[in-house]
Amino acid sequence: MVNAGTMPRAETLAQPRTSASWTRLAWAQFRSNRVALLSAVFLIVMYLVAIFAPVVAPYNSNAVDILATNAPPSAAHWLGTDATGRDILSRLIVGSRASMTVGLVAMVIAIVIGSLVGGLSGYFGGVIDSVLMRLTDGMMAIPYFFLVLIVVAVFGSTFRNIVIVIGVTSWMVVARIIRSEILRYREQDFVLAARSLGATDRRILFRHIMPHAVPSIIVAASIGVAGAILLESALSYLGLGIQAPNASWGNMLSDSQAYIFANPLLPIYPGVLILLTVLAYNFLGDALRDALDPRVSRQK
């Protein structure tokens, strides 16, 4: 006979397990990556600078001072001036608006198109999958840099055209990634349970399956933004991107090549910013993927 005084209490039999929330675990995983934290801080600062560029810039980026051409760094011009006497720091700050915005908006367009194409292809399969994937393969077979050059040369190098053409020609990798993720999860038990409960295909795809592809989408988006920034810089460098006198990092590189011996620092400033921004996006994407992927084992 068991003594009543020695019987375990009900609350001790059913101790609630204290576990950190998924969000807290993801943040802890991300926070442990110091390089990713520095990358995130750098990108946040760059976007804040881009948003408040007219306030932050010490001078009008297009103001010409012919008496101070190719001036070295000084108290008046911290990074010096270019061949027409324009303040380099002000032009870098204002130019960040074009470079950062083009990369972000173009990748949003690519993510939307790629998610729709990859999601429909992976979920429905059959003829739809064959048609959409052959379309994707066909688009990937075209050298998209030259396609972008042709489109911009024909329709003009306005900011809107540059954003649209980069986004419309950058969705193929996203579509393939999304398709592979959909194929992985569409036959899982939770999908079969949702289908047996009468959930529509749209709800199953976008509410039950697509969230599992978010980590892969984030990685593809981060790399895609970096690629879009490089592409915009290349277009501007070739004279088909953001047009003068408006500043962008790409056309600042193009303008500086003629004066590289007179002022060797001119190409270094925009080149370093492009390099740091692309690296920051790559580091951030890898860290976010590790933090958000539920398959990555995390210890409290």
Protein backbone atom coordinates (compact mmCIF):
# COMPACT_ATOMS: atom_id res chain seq x y z
CA MET A 1 0.00 0.00 0.00
CA VAL A 2 1.36 3.34 -1.04
CA ASN A 3 1.54 6.01 1.60
CA ALA A 4 -0.54 9.02 0.57
CA GLY A 5 2.10 11.34 1.93
CA THR A 6 4.70 9.88 -0.44
CA MET A 7 2.52 10.00 -3.59
CA PRO A 8 3.85 12.43 -6.16
CA ARG A 9 1.70 15.45 -6.72
CA ALA A 10 -0.07 15.94 -10.02
CA GLU A 11 1.85 19.09 -10.81
CA THR A 12 5.15 17.25 -10.39
CA LEU A 13 3.98 14.53 -12.76
CA ALA A 14 3.11 17.06 -15.44
CA GLN A 15 5.87 19.62 -15.24
CA PRO A 16 5.50 22.04 -18.12
CA ARG A 17 8.57 21.95 -20.26
CA THR A 18 10.15 25.35 -20.46
CA SER A 19 11.52 25.90 -23.95
CA ALA A 20 12.36 29.09 -25.69
CA SER A 21 10.11 30.15 -28.51
CA TRP A 22 11.11 29.55 -32.10
CA THR A 23 11.69 33.24 -32.61
CA ARG A 24 14.00 33.42 -29.62
CA LEU A 25 15.94 30.39 -30.78
CA ALA A 26 16.29 31.85 -34.26
CA TRP A 27 17.51 35.15 -32.83
CA ALA A 28 20.02 33.35 -30.59
CA GLN A 29 21.32 31.41 -33.57
CA PHE A 30 21.63 34.55 -35.66
CA ARG A 31 23.17 36.57 -32.82
CA SER A 32 25.94 34.02 -32.42
CA ASN A 33 27.22 34.94 -35.89
CA ARG A 34 29.18 38.14 -35.36
CA VAL A 35 29.89 38.63 -39.05
CA ALA A 36 26.17 38.48 -39.82
CA LEU A 37 25.42 40.99 -37.07
CA LEU A 38 27.99 43.40 -38.45
CA SER A 39 26.56 42.86 -41.93
CA ALA A 40 23.03 43.60 -40.72
CA VAL A 41 24.16 46.76 -38.93
CA PHE A 42 26.07 47.90 -42.01
CA LEU A 43 23.06 47.37 -44.29
CA ILE A 44 20.70 49.12 -41.88
CA VAL A 45 23.05 52.09 -41.73
CA MET A 46 23.33 52.16 -45.51
CA TYR A 47 19.56 52.15 -45.98
CA LEU A 48 19.13 54.87 -43.37
CA VAL A 49 21.75 56.92 -45.16
CA ALA A 50 19.95 56.31 -48.47
CA ILE A 51 16.58 57.32 -47.02
CA PHE A 52 17.88 60.50 -45.42
CA ALA A 53 20.47 61.27 -48.11
CA PRO A 54 19.34 64.87 -48.75
CA VAL A 55 19.70 65.61 -45.03
CA VAL A 56 22.90 63.68 -44.41
CA ALA A 57 24.84 64.86 -47.48
CA PRO A 58 26.97 67.89 -46.56
CA TYR A 59 26.70 69.41 -50.07
CA ASN A 60 24.47 69.30 -53.10
CA SER A 61 25.75 66.26 -54.95
CA ASN A 62 25.57 68.07 -58.31
CA ALA A 63 27.09 71.35 -57.17
CA VAL A 64 30.16 72.14 -59.29
CA ASP A 65 33.18 74.04 -57.97
CA ILE A 66 35.75 74.49 -60.75
CA LEU A 67 38.19 76.04 -58.28
CA ALA A 68 38.38 72.79 -56.28
CA THR A 69 38.69 70.07 -58.91
CA ASN A 70 40.30 66.78 -57.84
CA ALA A 71 40.94 68.22 -54.40
CA PRO A 72 42.40 65.81 -51.83
CA PRO A 73 40.52 64.95 -48.61
CA SER A 74 40.28 67.95 -46.32
CA ALA A 75 38.17 69.43 -43.55
CA ALA A 76 35.88 71.02 -46.14
CA HIS A 77 35.60 67.88 -48.29
CA TRP A 78 36.24 64.79 -46.20
CA LEU A 79 36.77 62.51 -49.21
CA GLY A 80 37.90 65.19 -51.62
CA THR A 81 36.25 66.27 -54.87
CA ASP A 82 36.00 64.85 -58.38
CA ALA A 83 37.13 66.27 -61.71
CA THR A 84 34.37 68.90 -61.72
CA GLY A 85 34.73 69.88 -58.09
CA ARG A 86 31.72 67.94 -56.79
CA ASP A 87 31.93 66.64 -53.24
CA ILE A 88 32.64 62.90 -53.36
CA LEU A 89 31.09 62.11 -49.97
CA SER A 90 27.83 63.80 -50.95
CA ARG A 91 27.72 61.91 -54.24
CA LEU A 92 28.39 58.60 -52.48
CA ILE A 93 25.56 59.28 -50.04
CA VAL A 94 23.10 60.32 -52.75
CA GLY A 95 24.27 57.52 -55.04
CA SER A 96 23.43 54.96 -52.39
CA ARG A 97 19.73 55.71 -52.97
CA ALA A 98 19.87 54.46 -56.54
CA SER A 99 22.13 51.46 -55.95
CA MET A 100 20.42 50.19 -52.79
CA THR A 101 16.88 50.82 -54.02
CA VAL A 102 17.40 49.18 -57.39
CA GLY A 103 18.75 46.02 -55.76
CA LEU A 104 15.97 45.73 -53.21
CA VAL A 105 12.98 46.53 -55.43
CA ALA A 106 14.24 44.44 -58.34
CA MET A 107 14.66 41.44 -56.07
CA VAL A 108 11.15 41.85 -54.66
CA ILE A 109 9.85 41.60 -58.23
CA ALA A 110 12.03 38.54 -58.86
CA ILE A 111 10.88 36.86 -55.63
CA VAL A 112 7.19 37.38 -56.47
CA ILE A 113 7.54 36.00 -60.00
CA GLY A 114 9.84 33.16 -58.99
CA SER A 115 7.65 32.11 -56.07
CA LEU A 116 4.55 31.95 -58.26
CA VAL A 117 6.26 30.04 -61.05
CA GLY A 118 8.12 27.65 -58.77
CA GLY A 119 5.15 27.13 -56.46
CA LEU A 120 2.68 26.33 -59.24
CA SER A 121 5.21 24.14 -61.02
CA GLY A 122 6.14 22.09 -57.97
CA TYR A 123 2.64 21.74 -56.54
CA PHE A 124 0.62 20.82 -59.62
CA GLY A 125 3.32 18.99 -61.60
CA GLY A 126 2.45 17.35 -64.90
CA VAL A 127 1.94 19.60 -67.90
CA ILE A 128 2.07 22.76 -65.81
CA ASP A 129 5.42 21.74 -64.39
CA SER A 130 6.82 20.89 -67.82
CA VAL A 131 5.70 24.16 -69.41
CA LEU A 132 6.86 26.39 -66.58
CA MET A 133 10.21 24.65 -66.15
CA ARG A 134 10.93 24.74 -69.88
CA LEU A 135 10.13 28.45 -69.78
CA THR A 136 12.54 28.80 -66.87
CA ASP A 137 15.23 26.83 -68.69
CA GLY A 138 14.75 28.99 -71.77
CA MET A 139 15.14 32.17 -69.76
CA MET A 140 18.24 30.81 -68.04
CA ALA A 141 19.77 29.97 -71.43
CA ILE A 142 19.69 33.63 -72.44
CA PRO A 143 22.67 35.67 -71.22
CA TYR A 144 20.58 37.93 -69.05
CA PHE A 145 23.19 40.69 -68.86
CA PHE A 146 23.00 41.18 -72.62
CA LEU A 147 19.21 40.90 -72.47
CA VAL A 148 19.17 43.68 -69.89
CA LEU A 149 21.48 45.76 -72.09
CA ILE A 150 19.16 45.35 -75.08
CA VAL A 151 16.00 46.17 -73.15
CA VAL A 152 17.53 49.24 -71.49
CA ALA A 153 18.97 50.43 -74.80
CA VAL A 154 15.58 50.07 -76.53
CA PHE A 155 13.22 51.34 -73.84
CA GLY A 156 15.52 53.83 -72.14
CA SER A 157 17.62 53.80 -68.98
CA THR A 158 15.12 55.32 -66.60
CA PHE A 159 15.08 54.21 -62.99
CA ARG A 160 11.76 52.39 -63.46
CA ASN A 161 12.93 50.53 -66.55
CA ILE A 162 16.15 49.44 -64.84
CA VAL A 163 14.29 48.10 -61.80
CA ILE A 164 11.70 46.25 -63.87
CA VAL A 165 14.12 44.68 -66.32
CA ILE A 166 16.47 43.47 -63.58
CA GLY A 167 13.56 41.99 -61.62
CA VAL A 168 11.93 40.33 -64.64
CA THR A 169 15.21 38.70 -65.70
CA SER A 170 16.28 37.48 -62.24
CA TRP A 171 13.44 35.18 -61.13
CA MET A 172 14.63 31.87 -62.62
CA VAL A 173 16.93 30.77 -59.80
CA VAL A 174 14.23 31.62 -57.25
CA ALA A 175 11.69 29.56 -59.22
CA ARG A 176 13.93 26.49 -59.22
CA ILE A 177 14.62 26.80 -55.50
CA ILE A 178 10.93 27.16 -54.67
CA ARG A 179 10.01 24.23 -56.90
CA SER A 180 12.49 21.94 -55.15
CA GLU A 181 11.13 22.97 -51.74
CA ILE A 182 7.52 22.40 -52.85
CA LEU A 183 8.39 18.95 -54.19
CA ARG A 184 9.96 18.11 -50.84
CA TYR A 185 6.89 18.99 -48.78
CA ARG A 186 3.84 18.43 -50.98
CA GLU A 187 3.52 14.73 -50.02
CA GLN A 188 4.10 15.24 -46.31
CA ASP A 189 1.48 14.14 -43.77
CA PHE A 190 0.44 17.69 -42.84
CA VAL A 191 -0.37 18.38 -46.49
CA LEU A 192 -2.43 15.19 -46.76
CA ALA A 193 -4.23 16.11 -43.55
CA ALA A 194 -5.04 19.59 -44.84
CA ARG A 195 -6.30 18.15 -48.12
CA SER A 196 -8.48 15.59 -46.30
CA LEU A 197 -10.02 18.43 -44.28
CA GLY A 198 -11.11 20.14 -47.48
CA ALA A 199 -8.45 22.83 -47.78
CA THR A 200 -8.16 24.32 -51.24
CA ASP A 201 -5.04 24.01 -53.33
CA ARG A 202 -4.33 27.71 -52.92
CA ARG A 203 -4.54 27.48 -49.13
CA ILE A 204 -2.40 24.35 -49.01
CA LEU A 205 0.24 25.90 -51.24
CA PHE A 206 0.49 29.34 -49.68
CA ARG A 207 -0.45 28.62 -46.06
CA HIS A 208 0.98 25.16 -45.43
CA ILE A 209 3.82 24.50 -47.88
CA MET A 210 5.24 27.86 -48.89
CA PRO A 211 6.25 28.92 -45.34
CA HIS A 212 8.68 25.99 -45.28
CA ALA A 213 10.46 27.54 -48.26
CA VAL A 214 11.00 30.89 -46.51
CA PRO A 215 14.60 30.15 -45.44
CA SER A 216 15.54 29.26 -49.00
CA ILE A 217 13.71 32.32 -50.31
CA ILE A 218 15.64 34.53 -47.91
CA VAL A 219 18.98 33.13 -49.05
CA ALA A 220 18.02 33.50 -52.71
CA ALA A 221 16.76 37.05 -52.07
CA SER A 222 19.91 38.15 -50.28
CA ILE A 223 22.15 36.81 -53.02
CA GLY A 224 19.78 38.23 -55.63
CA VAL A 225 19.91 41.72 -54.11
CA ALA A 226 23.68 41.60 -54.21
CA GLY A 227 23.56 40.50 -57.84
CA ALA A 228 21.08 43.24 -58.72
CA ILE A 229 23.34 45.88 -57.15
CA LEU A 230 26.27 44.57 -59.17
CA LEU A 231 24.16 44.57 -62.35
CA GLU A 232 22.96 48.13 -61.80
CA SER A 233 26.54 49.21 -61.15
CA ALA A 234 27.66 47.50 -64.35
CA LEU A 235 24.90 49.18 -66.36
CA SER A 236 25.75 52.57 -64.90
CA TYR A 237 29.43 51.95 -65.56
CA LEU A 238 28.62 51.29 -69.23
CA GLY A 239 26.48 54.43 -69.40
CA LEU A 240 23.15 52.56 -69.62
CA GLY A 241 22.15 52.81 -65.98
CA ILE A 242 21.46 55.86 -63.85
CA GLN A 243 22.24 58.83 -66.04
CA ALA A 244 24.33 61.87 -65.16
CA PRO A 245 24.18 64.19 -63.37
CA ASN A 246 22.33 61.84 -60.99
CA ALA A 247 24.81 59.89 -58.91
CA SER A 248 25.09 56.15 -58.50
CA TRP A 249 28.06 54.06 -57.47
CA GLY A 250 28.32 52.60 -60.96
CA ASN A 251 28.49 55.87 -62.88
CA MET A 252 30.90 57.24 -60.27
CA LEU A 253 33.22 54.39 -61.19
CA SER A 254 32.75 55.18 -64.86
CA ASP A 255 33.45 58.88 -64.39
CA SER A 256 36.59 58.22 -62.36
CA GLN A 257 38.39 56.03 -64.89
CA ALA A 258 39.56 58.99 -66.94
CA TYR A 259 41.16 60.59 -63.89
CA ILE A 260 42.57 57.53 -62.17
CA PHE A 261 46.13 58.87 -62.32
CA ALA A 262 45.22 62.43 -61.36
CA ASN A 263 43.05 61.26 -58.47
CA PRO A 264 43.59 57.56 -57.65
CA LEU A 265 41.08 57.65 -54.78
CA LEU A 266 38.09 58.38 -57.03
CA PRO A 267 37.33 54.76 -58.06
CA ILE A 268 38.20 53.33 -54.65
CA TYR A 269 35.31 54.88 -52.73
CA PRO A 270 32.37 53.54 -54.82
CA GLY A 271 34.20 50.27 -55.46
CA VAL A 272 34.66 49.61 -51.75
CA LEU A 273 31.00 50.43 -51.03
CA ILE A 274 29.82 48.04 -53.73
CA LEU A 275 32.14 45.34 -52.40
CA LEU A 276 31.07 45.77 -48.78
CA THR A 277 27.36 45.86 -49.65
CA VAL A 278 27.52 42.68 -51.73
CA LEU A 279 29.54 40.85 -49.07
CA ALA A 280 27.15 42.03 -46.33
CA TYR A 281 24.15 40.65 -48.21
CA ASN A 282 25.87 37.31 -48.78
CA PHE A 283 26.90 36.93 -45.12
CA LEU A 284 23.45 38.01 -43.94
CA GLY A 285 21.67 35.55 -46.21
CA ASP A 286 23.74 32.59 -45.03
CA ALA A 287 23.21 33.49 -41.38
CA LEU A 288 19.46 33.98 -41.79
CA ARG A 289 19.17 30.65 -43.53
CA ASP A 290 20.87 28.88 -40.63
CA ALA A 291 18.76 30.73 -38.08
CA LEU A 292 15.37 30.25 -39.76
CA ASP A 293 15.75 26.70 -41.06
CA PRO A 294 13.86 24.42 -38.65
CA ARG A 295 16.01 21.48 -39.74
CA VAL A 296 19.08 23.06 -38.20
CA SER A 297 19.47 21.66 -34.72
CA ARG A 298 19.71 24.31 -32.06
CA GLN A 299 20.71 23.92 -28.46
CA LYS A 300 19.26 26.20 -25.87
